[in-house]
C-alpha atoms as a PDB file:
ATOM      1  CA  MET A   1     113.563 -38.890-208.962  1.00  0.00           C
ATOM      2  CA  LYS A   2     115.639 -38.237-212.086  1.00  0.00           C
ATOM      3  CA  LYS A   3     115.555 -40.500-215.104  1.00  0.00           C
ATOM      4  CA  VAL A   4     118.215 -43.235-214.930  1.00  0.00           C
ATOM      5  CA  THR A   5     120.322 -43.495-218.093  1.00  0.00           C
ATOM      6  CA  ILE A   6     123.419 -45.371-219.233  1.00  0.00           C
ATOM      7  CA  HIS A   7     125.450 -42.352-218.060  1.00  0.00           C
ATOM      8  CA  THR A   8     123.833 -42.558-214.615  1.00  0.00           C
ATOM      9  CA  LEU A   9     124.967 -46.163-214.266  1.00  0.00           C
ATOM     10  CA  ARG A  10     128.552 -45.358-215.252  1.00  0.00           C
ATOM     11  CA  LYS A  11     128.658 -42.514-212.724  1.00  0.00           C
ATOM     12  CA  MET A  12     127.297 -44.842-210.051  1.00  0.00           C
ATOM     13  CA  LYS A  13     130.161 -47.270-210.680  1.00  0.00           C
ATOM     14  CA  GLN A  14     132.694 -44.487-210.506  1.00  0.00           C
ATOM     15  CA  ALA A  15     131.196 -43.220-207.243  1.00  0.00           C
ATOM     16  CA  GLY A  16     130.973 -46.704-205.728  1.00  0.00           C
ATOM     17  CA  GLU A  17     127.157 -46.567-205.572  1.00  0.00           C
ATOM     18  CA  ARG A  18     125.437 -49.953-205.892  1.00  0.00           C
ATOM     19  CA  ILE A  19     123.040 -50.448-208.808  1.00  0.00           C
ATOM     20  CA  THR A  20     119.685 -52.150-208.234  1.00  0.00           C
ATOM     21  CA  MET A  21     118.029 -54.100-211.034  1.00  0.00           C
ATOM     22  CA  LEU A  22     114.895 -56.263-211.138  1.00  0.00           C
ATOM     23  CA  THR A  23     112.882 -57.941-213.857  1.00  0.00           C
ATOM     24  CA  ALA A  24     109.412 -56.739-214.804  1.00  0.00           C
ATOM     25  CA  TYR A  25     106.963 -58.132-217.331  1.00  0.00           C
ATOM     26  CA  ASP A  26     103.882 -55.876-217.133  1.00  0.00           C
ATOM     27  CA  ALA A  27     102.823 -52.309-216.391  1.00  0.00           C
ATOM     28  CA  SER A  28     101.597 -52.979-212.840  1.00  0.00           C
ATOM     29  CA  PHE A  29     104.884 -54.445-211.616  1.00  0.00           C
ATOM     30  CA  ALA A  30     106.834 -51.794-213.546  1.00  0.00           C
ATOM     31  CA  ARG A  31     104.913 -49.006-211.805  1.00  0.00           C
ATOM     32  CA  LEU A  32     105.461 -50.491-208.340  1.00  0.00           C
ATOM     33  CA  LEU A  33     109.179 -51.105-208.874  1.00  0.00           C
ATOM     34  CA  ASP A  34     109.614 -47.668-210.427  1.00  0.00           C
ATOM     35  CA  GLN A  35     107.996 -46.088-207.363  1.00  0.00           C
ATOM     36  CA  ALA A  36     110.412 -48.104-205.207  1.00  0.00           C
ATOM     37  CA  GLN A  37     113.242 -46.323-207.080  1.00  0.00           C
ATOM     38  CA  ILE A  38     114.775 -49.459-208.590  1.00  0.00           C
ATOM     39  CA  ASP A  39     117.470 -48.213-210.972  1.00  0.00           C
ATOM     40  CA  VAL A  40     117.040 -50.667-213.856  1.00  0.00           C
ATOM     41  CA  LEU A  41     114.074 -52.741-215.005  1.00  0.00           C
ATOM     42  CA  LEU A  42     114.877 -55.719-217.210  1.00  0.00           C
ATOM     43  CA  VAL A  43     112.159 -57.220-219.365  1.00  0.00           C
ATOM     44  CA  GLY A  44     113.819 -60.605-219.295  1.00  0.00           C
ATOM     45  CA  ASP A  45     113.161 -63.589-221.495  1.00  0.00           C
ATOM     46  CA  SER A  46     112.812 -65.310-218.111  1.00  0.00           C
ATOM     47  CA  LEU A  47     109.139 -64.534-218.715  1.00  0.00           C
ATOM     48  CA  GLY A  48     109.146 -67.761-220.699  1.00  0.00           C
ATOM     49  CA  MET A  49     109.530 -69.627-217.411  1.00  0.00           C
ATOM     50  CA  VAL A  50     107.843 -67.464-214.754  1.00  0.00           C
ATOM     51  CA  VAL A  51     104.973 -66.126-216.891  1.00  0.00           C
ATOM     52  CA  GLN A  52     104.470 -68.659-219.689  1.00  0.00           C
ATOM     53  CA  GLY A  53     105.346 -71.802-217.741  1.00  0.00           C
ATOM     54  CA  HIS A  54     108.076 -73.200-219.998  1.00  0.00           C
ATOM     55  CA  ASP A  55     111.077 -75.123-218.687  1.00  0.00           C
ATOM     56  CA  THR A  56     113.530 -72.814-220.482  1.00  0.00           C
ATOM     57  CA  THR A  57     113.637 -69.343-222.013  1.00  0.00           C
ATOM     58  CA  LEU A  58     114.065 -70.746-225.517  1.00  0.00           C
ATOM     59  CA  PRO A  59     110.422 -70.638-226.741  1.00  0.00           C
ATOM     60  CA  VAL A  60     110.077 -66.862-226.198  1.00  0.00           C
ATOM     61  CA  THR A  61     109.614 -64.982-229.486  1.00  0.00           C
ATOM     62  CA  MET A  62     110.456 -61.462-230.614  1.00  0.00           C
ATOM     63  CA  ASP A  63     106.776 -60.540-230.866  1.00  0.00           C
ATOM     64  CA  GLN A  64     106.229 -61.659-227.277  1.00  0.00           C
ATOM     65  CA  MET A  65     109.232 -59.663-226.078  1.00  0.00           C
ATOM     66  CA  VAL A  66     107.998 -56.540-227.870  1.00  0.00           C
ATOM     67  CA  TYR A  67     104.567 -56.982-226.265  1.00  0.00           C
ATOM     68  CA  HIS A  68     105.918 -57.261-222.712  1.00  0.00           C
ATOM     69  CA  CYS A  69     108.475 -54.495-223.237  1.00  0.00           C
ATOM     70  CA  ALA A  70     105.752 -52.087-224.351  1.00  0.00           C
ATOM     71  CA  ALA A  71     103.668 -52.946-221.283  1.00  0.00           C
ATOM     72  CA  VAL A  72     106.589 -52.278-218.930  1.00  0.00           C
ATOM     73  CA  ALA A  73     107.450 -49.033-220.720  1.00  0.00           C
ATOM     74  CA  ARG A  74     103.927 -47.758-220.084  1.00  0.00           C
ATOM     75  CA  GLY A  75     104.299 -48.393-216.357  1.00  0.00           C
ATOM     76  CA  ALA A  76     107.756 -46.911-215.685  1.00  0.00           C
ATOM     77  CA  LYS A  77     108.864 -43.287-215.749  1.00  0.00           C
ATOM     78  CA  HIS A  78     112.259 -43.150-214.022  1.00  0.00           C
ATOM     79  CA  ALA A  79     113.998 -46.528-214.240  1.00  0.00           C
ATOM     80  CA  HIS A  80     116.393 -47.401-217.058  1.00  0.00           C
ATOM     81  CA  LEU A  81     114.621 -49.939-219.308  1.00  0.00           C
ATOM     82  CA  VAL A  82     116.373 -52.937-220.845  1.00  0.00           C
ATOM     83  CA  GLY A  83     114.800 -55.569-223.088  1.00  0.00           C
ATOM     84  CA  ASP A  84     116.171 -59.069-223.615  1.00  0.00           C
ATOM     85  CA  MET A  85     117.105 -60.245-227.100  1.00  0.00           C
ATOM     86  CA  PRO A  86     115.345 -63.645-227.175  1.00  0.00           C
ATOM     87  CA  PHE A  87     116.826 -66.884-228.437  1.00  0.00           C
ATOM     88  CA  GLY A  88     117.720 -66.720-232.131  1.00  0.00           C
ATOM     89  CA  SER A  89     117.116 -62.984-232.477  1.00  0.00           C
ATOM     90  CA  SER A  90     120.817 -62.068-232.528  1.00  0.00           C
ATOM     91  CA  HIS A  91     122.448 -65.262-233.748  1.00  0.00           C
ATOM     92  CA  ALA A  92     121.539 -65.473-237.451  1.00  0.00           C
ATOM     93  CA  THR A  93     123.178 -62.413-239.024  1.00  0.00           C
ATOM     94  CA  PRO A  94     124.288 -59.001-237.737  1.00  0.00           C
ATOM     95  CA  ASP A  95     121.653 -57.354-239.935  1.00  0.00           C
ATOM     96  CA  GLU A  96     118.893 -59.430-238.364  1.00  0.00           C
ATOM     97  CA  ALA A  97     120.252 -58.684-234.903  1.00  0.00           C
ATOM     98  CA  VAL A  98     120.211 -54.935-235.568  1.00  0.00           C
ATOM     99  CA  LYS A  99     116.664 -55.137-236.901  1.00  0.00           C
ATOM    100  CA  ASN A 100     115.435 -57.019-233.826  1.00  0.00           C
ATOM    101  CA  ALA A 101     117.245 -54.710-231.410  1.00  0.00           C
ATOM    102  CA  MET A 102     115.648 -51.709-233.057  1.00  0.00           C
ATOM    103  CA  ARG A 103     112.216 -53.315-232.679  1.00  0.00           C
ATOM    104  CA  LEU A 104     112.642 -53.540-228.909  1.00  0.00           C
ATOM    105  CA  VAL A 105     113.426 -49.822-228.853  1.00  0.00           C
ATOM    106  CA  ALA A 106     110.996 -48.516-231.477  1.00  0.00           C
ATOM    107  CA  GLU A 107     108.019 -50.784-230.735  1.00  0.00           C
ATOM    108  CA  GLY A 108     108.784 -51.911-227.193  1.00  0.00           C
ATOM    109  CA  GLY A 109     109.835 -48.575-225.740  1.00  0.00           C
ATOM    110  CA  MET A 110     113.135 -49.912-224.376  1.00  0.00           C
ATOM    111  CA  GLU A 111     116.245 -47.795-223.917  1.00  0.00           C
ATOM    112  CA  ALA A 112     118.731 -50.642-224.333  1.00  0.00           C
ATOM    113  CA  VAL A 113     118.873 -54.345-225.136  1.00  0.00           C
ATOM    114  CA  LYS A 114     120.575 -57.239-223.371  1.00  0.00           C
ATOM    115  CA  LEU A 115     122.437 -59.834-225.400  1.00  0.00           C
ATOM    116  CA  GLU A 116     123.844 -63.143-224.159  1.00  0.00           C
ATOM    117  CA  GLY A 117     127.298 -64.279-225.216  1.00  0.00           C
ATOM    118  CA  GLY A 118     130.994 -63.404-225.046  1.00  0.00           C
ATOM    119  CA  ALA A 119     133.691 -62.371-227.477  1.00  0.00           C
ATOM    120  CA  ASP A 120     132.096 -64.348-230.318  1.00  0.00           C
ATOM    121  CA  TYR A 121     129.332 -61.722-230.434  1.00  0.00           C
ATOM    122  CA  SER A 122     131.594 -58.668-230.559  1.00  0.00           C
ATOM    123  CA  GLU A 123     130.762 -57.914-234.188  1.00  0.00           C
ATOM    124  CA  VAL A 124     127.017 -58.152-233.561  1.00  0.00           C
ATOM    125  CA  ILE A 125     127.277 -55.908-230.508  1.00  0.00           C
ATOM    126  CA  THR A 126     129.318 -53.320-232.400  1.00  0.00           C
ATOM    127  CA  ARG A 127     126.745 -53.254-235.208  1.00  0.00           C
ATOM    128  CA  ILE A 128     123.836 -52.785-232.794  1.00  0.00           C
ATOM    129  CA  VAL A 129     125.608 -50.014-230.901  1.00  0.00           C
ATOM    130  CA  ARG A 130     126.530 -48.328-234.173  1.00  0.00           C
ATOM    131  CA  ALA A 131     122.838 -48.363-235.082  1.00  0.00           C
ATOM    132  CA  GLY A 132     122.113 -46.294-231.954  1.00  0.00           C
ATOM    133  CA  VAL A 133     120.961 -48.990-229.531  1.00  0.00           C
ATOM    134  CA  PRO A 134     122.903 -49.397-226.245  1.00  0.00           C
ATOM    135  CA  VAL A 135     123.811 -53.008-225.434  1.00  0.00           C
ATOM    136  CA  MET A 136     124.114 -54.700-222.042  1.00  0.00           C
ATOM    137  CA  GLY A 137     126.209 -57.849-222.231  1.00  0.00           C
ATOM    138  CA  HIS A 138     125.554 -61.111-220.383  1.00  0.00           C
ATOM    139  CA  ILE A 139     128.187 -63.759-219.675  1.00  0.00           C
ATOM    140  CA  GLY A 140     128.662 -66.679-217.309  1.00  0.00           C
ATOM    141  CA  LEU A 141     125.572 -68.825-217.109  1.00  0.00           C
ATOM    142  CA  THR A 142     123.634 -67.819-220.206  1.00  0.00           C
ATOM    143  CA  PRO A 143     120.184 -69.484-220.114  1.00  0.00           C
ATOM    144  CA  GLN A 144     119.796 -69.477-223.900  1.00  0.00           C
ATOM    145  CA  SER A 145     122.808 -71.834-224.066  1.00  0.00           C
ATOM    146  CA  VAL A 146     121.406 -74.220-221.468  1.00  0.00           C
ATOM    147  CA  HIS A 147     121.711 -77.257-223.729  1.00  0.00           C
ATOM    148  CA  LYS A 148     125.264 -76.384-224.756  1.00  0.00           C
ATOM    149  CA  MET A 149     126.285 -75.954-221.093  1.00  0.00           C
ATOM    150  CA  GLY A 150     124.580 -79.189-220.069  1.00  0.00           C
ATOM    151  CA  GLY A 151     122.133 -77.504-217.706  1.00  0.00           C
ATOM    152  CA  TYR A 152     122.026 -74.583-215.313  1.00  0.00           C
ATOM    153  CA  VAL A 153     125.472 -74.979-213.766  1.00  0.00           C
ATOM    154  CA  VAL A 154     127.989 -72.536-212.301  1.00  0.00           C
ATOM    155  CA  GLN A 155     130.431 -71.211-214.912  1.00  0.00           C
ATOM    156  CA  GLY A 156     134.030 -69.999-214.698  1.00  0.00           C
ATOM    157  CA  ARG A 157     135.379 -72.564-212.268  1.00  0.00           C
ATOM    158  CA  GLY A 158     139.020 -73.377-212.939  1.00  0.00           C
ATOM    159  CA  GLU A 159     141.770 -71.089-214.212  1.00  0.00           C
ATOM    160  CA  ASP A 160     141.150 -71.633-217.920  1.00  0.00           C
ATOM    161  CA  LYS A 161     137.413 -71.039-217.743  1.00  0.00           C
ATOM    162  CA  ALA A 162     137.858 -68.033-215.488  1.00  0.00           C
ATOM    163  CA  ALA A 163     140.416 -66.538-217.881  1.00  0.00           C
ATOM    164  CA  ARG A 164     138.023 -67.064-220.770  1.00  0.00           C
ATOM    165  CA  LEU A 165     135.212 -65.201-219.000  1.00  0.00           C
ATOM    166  CA  LEU A 166     137.548 -62.359-218.088  1.00  0.00           C
ATOM    167  CA  ALA A 167     138.577 -62.111-221.744  1.00  0.00           C
ATOM    168  CA  ASP A 168     134.893 -62.149-222.743  1.00  0.00           C
ATOM    169  CA  ALA A 169     134.114 -59.262-220.392  1.00  0.00           C
ATOM    170  CA  ARG A 170     136.954 -57.162-221.806  1.00  0.00           C
ATOM    171  CA  ALA A 171     135.881 -57.995-225.368  1.00  0.00           C
ATOM    172  CA  LEU A 172     132.291 -56.913-224.658  1.00  0.00           C
ATOM    173  CA  GLU A 173     133.490 -53.603-223.224  1.00  0.00           C
ATOM    174  CA  LYS A 174     135.679 -53.032-226.297  1.00  0.00           C
ATOM    175  CA  ALA A 175     132.750 -53.899-228.616  1.00  0.00           C
ATOM    176  CA  GLY A 176     130.678 -51.118-227.038  1.00  0.00           C
ATOM    177  CA  CYS A 177     128.651 -52.659-224.187  1.00  0.00           C
ATOM    178  CA  TYR A 178     127.791 -50.097-221.493  1.00  0.00           C
ATOM    179  CA  SER A 179     127.268 -52.775-218.806  1.00  0.00           C
ATOM    180  CA  ILE A 180     127.604 -56.536-218.295  1.00  0.00           C
ATOM    181  CA  ILE A 181     125.533 -59.042-216.371  1.00  0.00           C
ATOM    182  CA  LEU A 182     127.579 -61.751-214.652  1.00  0.00           C
ATOM    183  CA  GLU A 183     125.498 -64.826-213.849  1.00  0.00           C
ATOM    184  CA  ALA A 184     126.374 -67.836-211.695  1.00  0.00           C
ATOM    185  CA  ILE A 185     130.137 -67.484-211.468  1.00  0.00           C
ATOM    186  CA  PRO A 186     132.481 -67.716-208.451  1.00  0.00           C
ATOM    187  CA  ALA A 187     132.439 -64.599-206.275  1.00  0.00           C
ATOM    188  CA  GLU A 188     136.182 -64.149-206.676  1.00  0.00           C
ATOM    189  CA  LEU A 189     135.816 -64.065-210.450  1.00  0.00           C
ATOM    190  CA  GLY A 190     132.947 -61.603-210.200  1.00  0.00           C
ATOM    191  CA  ALA A 191     135.151 -59.275-208.179  1.00  0.00           C
ATOM    192  CA  GLN A 192     138.063 -59.677-210.598  1.00  0.00           C
ATOM    193  CA  ILE A 193     135.954 -58.877-213.672  1.00  0.00           C
ATOM    194  CA  THR A 194     134.417 -55.877-211.904  1.00  0.00           C
ATOM    195  CA  ARG A 195     137.890 -54.465-211.189  1.00  0.00           C
ATOM    196  CA  SER A 196     139.082 -55.205-214.722  1.00  0.00           C
ATOM    197  CA  VAL A 197     136.447 -53.314-216.740  1.00  0.00           C
ATOM    198  CA  GLY A 198     135.395 -49.697-216.715  1.00  0.00           C
ATOM    199  CA  ILE A 199     131.709 -50.434-217.278  1.00  0.00           C
ATOM    200  CA  PRO A 200     129.251 -51.471-214.536  1.00  0.00           C
ATOM    201  CA  THR A 201     128.888 -55.171-213.740  1.00  0.00           C
ATOM    202  CA  ILE A 202     125.577 -56.460-212.444  1.00  0.00           C
ATOM    203  CA  GLY A 203     125.652 -59.793-210.712  1.00  0.00           C
ATOM    204  CA  ILE A 204     123.189 -62.593-210.190  1.00  0.00           C
ATOM    205  CA  GLY A 205     124.934 -65.323-208.265  1.00  0.00           C
ATOM    206  CA  ALA A 206     128.274 -63.614-208.915  1.00  0.00           C
ATOM    207  CA  GLY A 207     129.152 -62.434-205.407  1.00  0.00           C
ATOM    208  CA  PRO A 208     128.835 -59.152-203.490  1.00  0.00           C
ATOM    209  CA  ASP A 209     131.609 -57.210-205.248  1.00  0.00           C
ATOM    210  CA  CYS A 210     129.789 -56.533-208.520  1.00  0.00           C
ATOM    211  CA  ASP A 211     128.691 -52.938-209.131  1.00  0.00           C
ATOM    212  CA  GLY A 212     125.041 -53.973-208.869  1.00  0.00           C
ATOM    213  CA  GLN A 213     122.683 -56.893-208.402  1.00  0.00           C
ATOM    214  CA  VAL A 214     119.689 -58.265-210.314  1.00  0.00           C
ATOM    215  CA  LEU A 215     116.977 -60.746-209.378  1.00  0.00           C
ATOM    216  CA  VAL A 216     113.862 -62.083-211.041  1.00  0.00           C
ATOM    217  CA  ILE A 217     111.007 -60.272-209.290  1.00  0.00           C
ATOM    218  CA  TYR A 218     108.972 -63.471-208.878  1.00  0.00           C
ATOM    219  CA  ASP A 219     111.906 -65.058-207.040  1.00  0.00           C
ATOM    220  CA  LEU A 220     112.393 -62.032-204.786  1.00  0.00           C
ATOM    221  CA  LEU A 221     108.707 -62.142-203.845  1.00  0.00           C
ATOM    222  CA  GLY A 222     108.696 -65.885-203.148  1.00  0.00           C
ATOM    223  CA  MET A 223     106.074 -66.693-205.769  1.00  0.00           C
ATOM    224  CA  ASN A 224     107.344 -70.241-206.318  1.00  0.00           C
ATOM    225  CA  PRO A 225     108.139 -72.159-203.095  1.00  0.00           C
ATOM    226  CA  GLU A 226     109.666 -75.003-205.131  1.00  0.00           C
ATOM    227  CA  PHE A 227     112.336 -72.756-206.675  1.00  0.00           C
ATOM    228  CA  SER A 228     115.102 -71.829-204.223  1.00  0.00           C
ATOM    229  CA  PRO A 229     118.494 -71.524-205.925  1.00  0.00           C
ATOM    230  CA  LYS A 230     121.470 -70.538-203.775  1.00  0.00           C
ATOM    231  CA  PHE A 231     121.784 -67.034-205.255  1.00  0.00           C
ATOM    232  CA  VAL A 232     118.145 -66.020-204.549  1.00  0.00           C
ATOM    233  CA  LYS A 233     117.035 -64.251-201.396  1.00  0.00           C
ATOM    234  CA  LYS A 234     113.270 -64.173-200.861  1.00  0.00           C
ATOM    235  CA  TYR A 235     112.153 -60.850-199.423  1.00  0.00           C
ATOM    236  CA  ALA A 236     108.511 -61.916-199.162  1.00  0.00           C
ATOM    237  CA  ASN A 237     106.374 -65.044-199.228  1.00  0.00           C
ATOM    238  CA  LEU A 238     103.671 -64.027-201.663  1.00  0.00           C
ATOM    239  CA  ALA A 239     102.897 -67.621-202.550  1.00  0.00           C
ATOM    240  CA  GLN A 240     101.413 -68.044-199.078  1.00  0.00           C
ATOM    241  CA  VAL A 241      99.778 -64.601-199.030  1.00  0.00           C
ATOM    242  CA  ILE A 242      98.133 -65.112-202.421  1.00  0.00           C
ATOM    243  CA  GLY A 243      97.018 -68.641-201.547  1.00  0.00           C
ATOM    244  CA  GLU A 244      95.429 -67.542-198.264  1.00  0.00           C
ATOM    245  CA  ALA A 245      93.654 -64.611-199.925  1.00  0.00           C
ATOM    246  CA  ALA A 246      92.249 -66.883-202.639  1.00  0.00           C
ATOM    247  CA  VAL A 247      90.967 -69.356-200.027  1.00  0.00           C
ATOM    248  CA  ARG A 248      89.215 -66.586-198.050  1.00  0.00           C
ATOM    249  CA  TYR A 249      87.594 -65.324-201.243  1.00  0.00           C
ATOM    250  CA  ARG A 250      86.434 -68.835-202.162  1.00  0.00           C
ATOM    251  CA  ASP A 251      84.925 -69.420-198.722  1.00  0.00           C
ATOM    252  CA  GLU A 252      83.102 -66.069-198.591  1.00  0.00           C
ATOM    253  CA  VAL A 253      81.584 -66.452-202.040  1.00  0.00           C
ATOM    254  CA  ARG A 254      80.354 -69.953-201.265  1.00  0.00           C
ATOM    255  CA  ALA A 255      78.904 -68.844-197.910  1.00  0.00           C
ATOM    256  CA  GLY A 256      77.242 -65.735-199.346  1.00  0.00           C
ATOM    257  CA  GLY A 257      79.554 -63.389-197.432  1.00  0.00           C
ATOM    258  CA  PHE A 258      80.736 -61.637-200.589  1.00  0.00           C
ATOM    259  CA  PRO A 259      79.600 -59.394-202.100  1.00  0.00           C
ATOM    260  CA  THR A 260      77.757 -57.423-199.400  1.00  0.00           C
ATOM    261  CA  GLU A 261      75.866 -54.135-199.669  1.00  0.00           C
ATOM    262  CA  GLU A 262      79.234 -52.382-199.275  1.00  0.00           C
ATOM    263  CA  HIS A 263      80.442 -53.918-202.514  1.00  0.00           C
ATOM    264  CA  SER A 264      77.173 -53.504-204.450  1.00  0.00           C
ATOM    265  CA  PHE A 265      75.755 -50.674-206.530  1.00  0.00           C
ATOM    266  CA  SER A 266      72.384 -48.951-206.072  1.00  0.00           C
ATOM    267  CA  SER A 267      70.195 -47.403-208.716  1.00  0.00           C
ATOM    268  CA  ASP A 268      70.664 -43.685-209.418  1.00  0.00           C
ATOM    269  CA  ARG A 269      66.982 -43.304-210.462  1.00  0.00           C
ATOM    270  CA  PRO A 270      64.504 -41.920-207.888  1.00  0.00           C
ATOM    271  CA  ALA A 271      62.063 -44.348-206.343  1.00  0.00           C
ATOM    272  CA  ALA A 272      58.927 -44.923-208.423  1.00  0.00           C
ATOM    273  CA  GLN A 273      56.011 -42.637-207.406  1.00  0.00           C
ATOM    274  CA  PRO A 274      52.465 -44.113-207.012  1.00  0.00           C
ATOM    275  CA  LYS A 275      50.255 -43.469-209.996  1.00  0.00           C
ATOM    276  CA  PRO A 276      47.367 -40.979-209.421  1.00  0.00           C
ATOM    277  CA  ALA A 277      43.858 -42.411-209.090  1.00  0.00           C
ATOM    278  CA  PRO A 278      41.992 -42.455-212.433  1.00  0.00           C
ATOM    279  CA  VAL A 279      39.603 -39.542-212.996  1.00  0.00           C
ATOM    280  CA  ALA A 280      35.961 -40.558-213.485  1.00  0.00           C
ATOM    281  CA  ALA A 281      35.004 -40.482-217.120  1.00  0.00           C
ATOM    282  CA  VAL A 282      32.723 -37.560-218.096  1.00  0.00           C
ATOM    283  CA  MET A 283      30.097 -38.288-220.661  1.00  0.00           C
ATOM    284  CA  PRO A 284      30.219 -35.660-223.407  1.00  0.00           C
ATOM    285  CA  ARG A 285      27.139 -33.536-223.835  1.00  0.00           C
ATOM    286  CA  ALA A 286      25.320 -33.365-227.094  1.00  0.00           C
ATOM    287  CA  PRO A 287      26.656 -30.533-229.232  1.00  0.00           C
ATOM    288  CA  ALA A 288      24.549 -27.438-229.610  1.00  0.00           C
ATOM    289  CA  THR A 289      22.651 -27.167-232.838  1.00  0.00           C
ATOM    290  CA  ASN A 290      21.147 -24.300-234.799  1.00  0.00           C
ATOM    291  CA  GLY A 291      17.844 -26.007-235.356  1.00  0.00           C
ATOM    292  CA  ASP A 292      18.806 -28.071-238.358  1.00  0.00           C
ATOM    293  CA  GLU A 293      20.592 -30.699-236.248  1.00  0.00           C
ATOM    294  CA  ARG A 294      24.014 -29.489-237.419  1.00  0.00           C
ATOM    295  CA  PRO A 295      26.517 -28.666-234.644  1.00  0.00           C
ATOM    296  CA  LEU A 296      27.456 -25.013-234.259  1.00  0.00           C
ATOM    297  CA  LYS A 297      31.019 -24.212-235.265  1.00  0.00           C
ATOM    298  CA  LEU A 298      33.403 -21.492-234.275  1.00  0.00           C
ATOM    299  CA  TYR A 299      36.360 -20.982-236.561  1.00  0.00           C
ATOM    300  CA  SER A 300      35.604 -24.372-238.101  1.00  0.00           C
ATOM    301  CA  VAL A 301      35.811 -26.037-234.658  1.00  0.00           C
ATOM    302  CA  PRO A 302      32.666 -27.605-233.180  1.00  0.00           C
ATOM    303  CA  ALA A 303      31.378 -25.331-230.392  1.00  0.00           C
ATOM    304  CA  ARG A 304      30.631 -26.588-226.874  1.00  0.00           C
ATOM    305  CA  GLU A 305      28.298 -25.191-224.268  1.00  0.00           C
END
């Protein structure tokens, strides 16, 4: 499998080939998804919720993002790698945004960064791209603005709001974004934006007409039975599988069924040999003398009979 790049994604859009994208937060998942030939791996700040247990993505720091990005980069060889710019990392000044984006590439091993926000962030995006870091945009429901939006609600409903998102998408393309994520918007709007820009659109709750789709890997695998938003399809029920495996392990350990000889090590040393029977002590004879009671010597060593 060839390495997926920003040029690969553009060619896929032009050829009408659908782009697949999933989140990853560690080397093990990155390796498995890479072997499954997923096109893009996103180290999302969603790790704040699915890995760290927060209610939002807001507490995730730059240092934490760099750490998880580096882990994913060590596990993937073919997929295109994108790291999320966490809350506050691109909102202070353009200089600070460029510095943080470069950290995700230089220290985290990413090949691009993802930045939430519309036309208001055009200058920041242009500066980051000019510094040599590709930028994936993200509009619609932007989790870092959860408080401003009043919760996780569908965006772009109504003509005015839809027109604003369409304008945002065009502004991001003009600023230099090579792709845009569209999250939680009406399917019709997702299709319209996809037709209106020359860069790939990747949807999550944005309908089937986007150029690609992305899901959080924990959602795809059914790791949290209590989380079932409309836009998620669960392709497995690992919550049940993991729970059942843990219960079997618990029961076997308590009953003495694990570990068995099959799961135990043996010594590499040969079995101990019995010690030989002790030899009967021999009483030494009196040394020979030369008549004056002094022992005879040979080369200064006492002679024996």
